[in-house]
């Protein structure tokens, strides 16, 4: 039942961006930062980043507002392999307004479905968003 709940729709241009982002050829770290337009009740692009580390991305996040992030990460494995996992990160900091948290939480599953991503992570503390944190999360998918 929770999977079918759609609180906010996803902007059509965002759907296109997500599709293109999934098939990008670049080998650098990149991100799409998304927010909910509370008036339109629509998930929209807030910003796009190329060549951005998680540390830099963390600095871009608002302190007390949730955000959705799709992050393309250049993962250098211990055995020398390189992969480029696409990660969906839901950042919902402590101290957000309850109605914002509800709108974001209720819109997350639909957005993940549209983005067709399987590596889905959540954090309540933006300080957790480090390369070490992401590598730990990605170990599950090996």
Protein backbone atom coordinates (compact mmCIF):
# COMPACT_ATOMS: atom_id res chain seq x y z
CA UNK A 1 0.00 0.00 0.00
CA UNK A 2 2.78 2.45 0.92
CA UNK A 3 4.37 1.94 -2.51
CA UNK A 4 1.27 3.28 -4.23
CA UNK A 5 1.07 6.44 -2.13
CA UNK A 6 2.01 9.46 -4.23
CA UNK A 7 2.10 12.72 -2.34
CA UNK A 8 3.85 14.81 -5.00
CA UNK A 9 4.18 14.27 -8.72
CA UNK A 10 7.56 14.41 -10.46
CA UNK A 11 8.21 17.24 -12.92
CA UNK A 12 8.37 16.00 -16.53
CA UNK A 13 11.70 17.76 -17.20
CA UNK A 14 13.14 16.07 -14.10
CA UNK A 15 12.05 12.67 -15.43
CA UNK A 16 13.99 13.38 -18.63
CA UNK A 17 17.08 14.55 -16.71
CA UNK A 18 17.04 11.41 -14.56
CA UNK A 19 16.81 9.20 -17.63
CA UNK A 20 19.75 10.97 -19.29
CA UNK A 21 21.72 10.90 -16.03
CA UNK A 22 21.35 7.11 -15.81
CA UNK A 23 23.03 6.71 -19.20
CA UNK A 24 25.71 9.38 -18.87
CA UNK A 25 29.16 8.45 -20.21
CA UNK A 26 31.28 10.74 -18.03
CA UNK A 27 33.47 9.09 -15.42
CA UNK A 28 33.45 11.82 -12.78
CA UNK A 29 31.25 12.15 -9.69
CA UNK A 30 28.04 14.04 -10.44
CA UNK A 31 24.75 14.79 -8.72
CA UNK A 32 21.24 16.01 -9.26
CA UNK A 33 19.83 17.75 -6.19
CA UNK A 34 16.03 17.76 -6.02
CA UNK A 35 13.48 19.50 -3.85
CA UNK A 36 9.72 19.65 -3.56
CA UNK A 37 7.97 22.78 -4.75
CA UNK A 38 5.55 22.96 -1.83
CA UNK A 39 3.04 25.17 -3.68
CA UNK A 40 2.85 22.99 -6.81
CA UNK A 41 3.43 19.75 -4.87
CA UNK A 42 5.97 18.79 -7.50
CA UNK A 43 9.46 17.28 -7.23
CA UNK A 44 11.79 19.55 -9.23
CA UNK A 45 15.51 19.95 -9.96
CA UNK A 46 17.18 22.35 -7.57
CA UNK A 47 20.72 22.07 -8.91
CA UNK A 48 22.97 19.86 -11.04
CA UNK A 49 26.64 19.27 -10.24
CA UNK A 50 29.55 17.83 -12.19
CA UNK A 51 32.79 16.68 -10.63
CA UNK A 52 31.52 17.05 -7.05
CA UNK A 53 32.63 15.12 -3.98
CA UNK A 54 30.22 14.09 -1.26
CA UNK A 55 31.99 16.58 1.03
CA UNK A 56 31.25 19.41 -1.39
CA UNK A 57 27.72 18.18 -1.95
CA UNK A 58 27.08 18.07 1.79
CA UNK A 59 27.91 21.79 1.93
CA UNK A 60 25.21 22.48 -0.67
CA UNK A 61 22.43 20.90 1.39
CA UNK A 62 20.13 23.15 3.41
CA UNK A 63 20.55 22.68 7.14
CA UNK A 64 16.91 22.10 8.09
CA UNK A 65 15.19 21.01 4.87
CA UNK A 66 14.94 17.58 3.27
CA UNK A 67 16.39 16.92 -0.19
CA UNK A 68 16.60 14.09 -2.69
CA UNK A 69 19.95 13.40 -4.35
CA UNK A 70 20.88 11.16 -7.25
CA UNK A 71 24.64 10.69 -7.10
CA UNK A 72 26.88 9.07 -9.70
CA UNK A 73 29.94 7.90 -7.81
CA UNK A 74 33.29 6.73 -9.16
CA UNK A 75 33.96 3.78 -6.88
CA UNK A 76 37.56 2.49 -6.83
CA UNK A 77 37.37 -1.04 -5.43
CA UNK A 78 40.16 -2.57 -3.33
CA UNK A 79 40.91 -5.09 -6.09
CA UNK A 80 41.54 -2.32 -8.63
CA UNK A 81 38.19 -2.44 -10.42
CA UNK A 82 36.26 0.79 -10.98
CA UNK A 83 32.48 1.00 -11.02
CA UNK A 84 30.04 3.87 -11.26
CA UNK A 85 27.06 3.14 -9.01
CA UNK A 86 24.08 5.45 -9.16
CA UNK A 87 22.81 6.15 -5.66
CA UNK A 88 19.59 7.70 -4.47
CA UNK A 89 20.06 9.54 -1.18
CA UNK A 90 17.21 10.95 0.86
CA UNK A 91 18.52 13.58 3.25
CA UNK A 92 15.98 14.46 5.93
CA UNK A 93 17.78 16.37 8.69
CA UNK A 94 16.56 16.42 12.26
CA UNK A 95 14.69 19.67 12.82
CA UNK A 96 12.73 19.69 9.54
CA UNK A 97 9.13 20.81 9.65
CA UNK A 98 6.87 17.74 10.06
CA UNK A 99 4.78 18.63 6.99
CA UNK A 100 7.95 18.81 4.88
CA UNK A 101 9.14 15.45 6.18
CA UNK A 102 5.76 13.92 5.36
CA UNK A 103 5.73 15.31 1.80
CA UNK A 104 9.27 14.12 1.10
CA UNK A 105 8.80 10.71 2.71
CA UNK A 106 5.53 10.24 0.82
CA UNK A 107 7.15 11.17 -2.50
CA UNK A 108 10.37 9.17 -2.17
CA UNK A 109 9.17 5.76 -3.41
CA UNK A 110 7.64 7.18 -6.58
CA UNK A 111 10.79 9.15 -7.35
CA UNK A 112 13.00 6.08 -6.81
CA UNK A 113 10.68 4.12 -9.10
CA UNK A 114 10.87 6.76 -11.85
CA UNK A 115 14.66 7.02 -11.52
CA UNK A 116 14.87 3.20 -11.66
CA UNK A 117 17.50 3.05 -8.92
CA UNK A 118 18.20 0.21 -6.49
CA UNK A 119 20.88 1.75 -4.29
CA UNK A 120 18.65 3.81 -2.00
CA UNK A 121 19.98 5.34 1.20
CA UNK A 122 18.67 7.71 3.85
CA UNK A 123 20.34 9.99 6.32
CA UNK A 124 18.98 12.16 9.10
CA UNK A 125 22.32 13.90 9.57
CA UNK A 126 24.04 15.61 6.64
CA UNK A 127 27.39 15.20 8.43
CA UNK A 128 27.08 11.47 7.67
CA UNK A 129 27.38 12.16 3.94
CA UNK A 130 31.01 11.20 3.47
CA UNK A 131 32.79 8.94 1.03
CA UNK A 132 33.40 6.48 3.88
CA UNK A 133 29.64 6.40 4.68
CA UNK A 134 28.77 5.77 1.02
CA UNK A 135 31.36 3.00 0.64
CA UNK A 136 29.93 1.28 3.73
CA UNK A 137 26.44 1.48 2.27
CA UNK A 138 27.61 0.16 -1.10
CA UNK A 139 29.32 -2.88 0.48
CA UNK A 140 25.86 -4.40 0.81
CA UNK A 141 25.54 -4.56 -3.00
CA UNK A 142 28.76 -6.46 -3.72
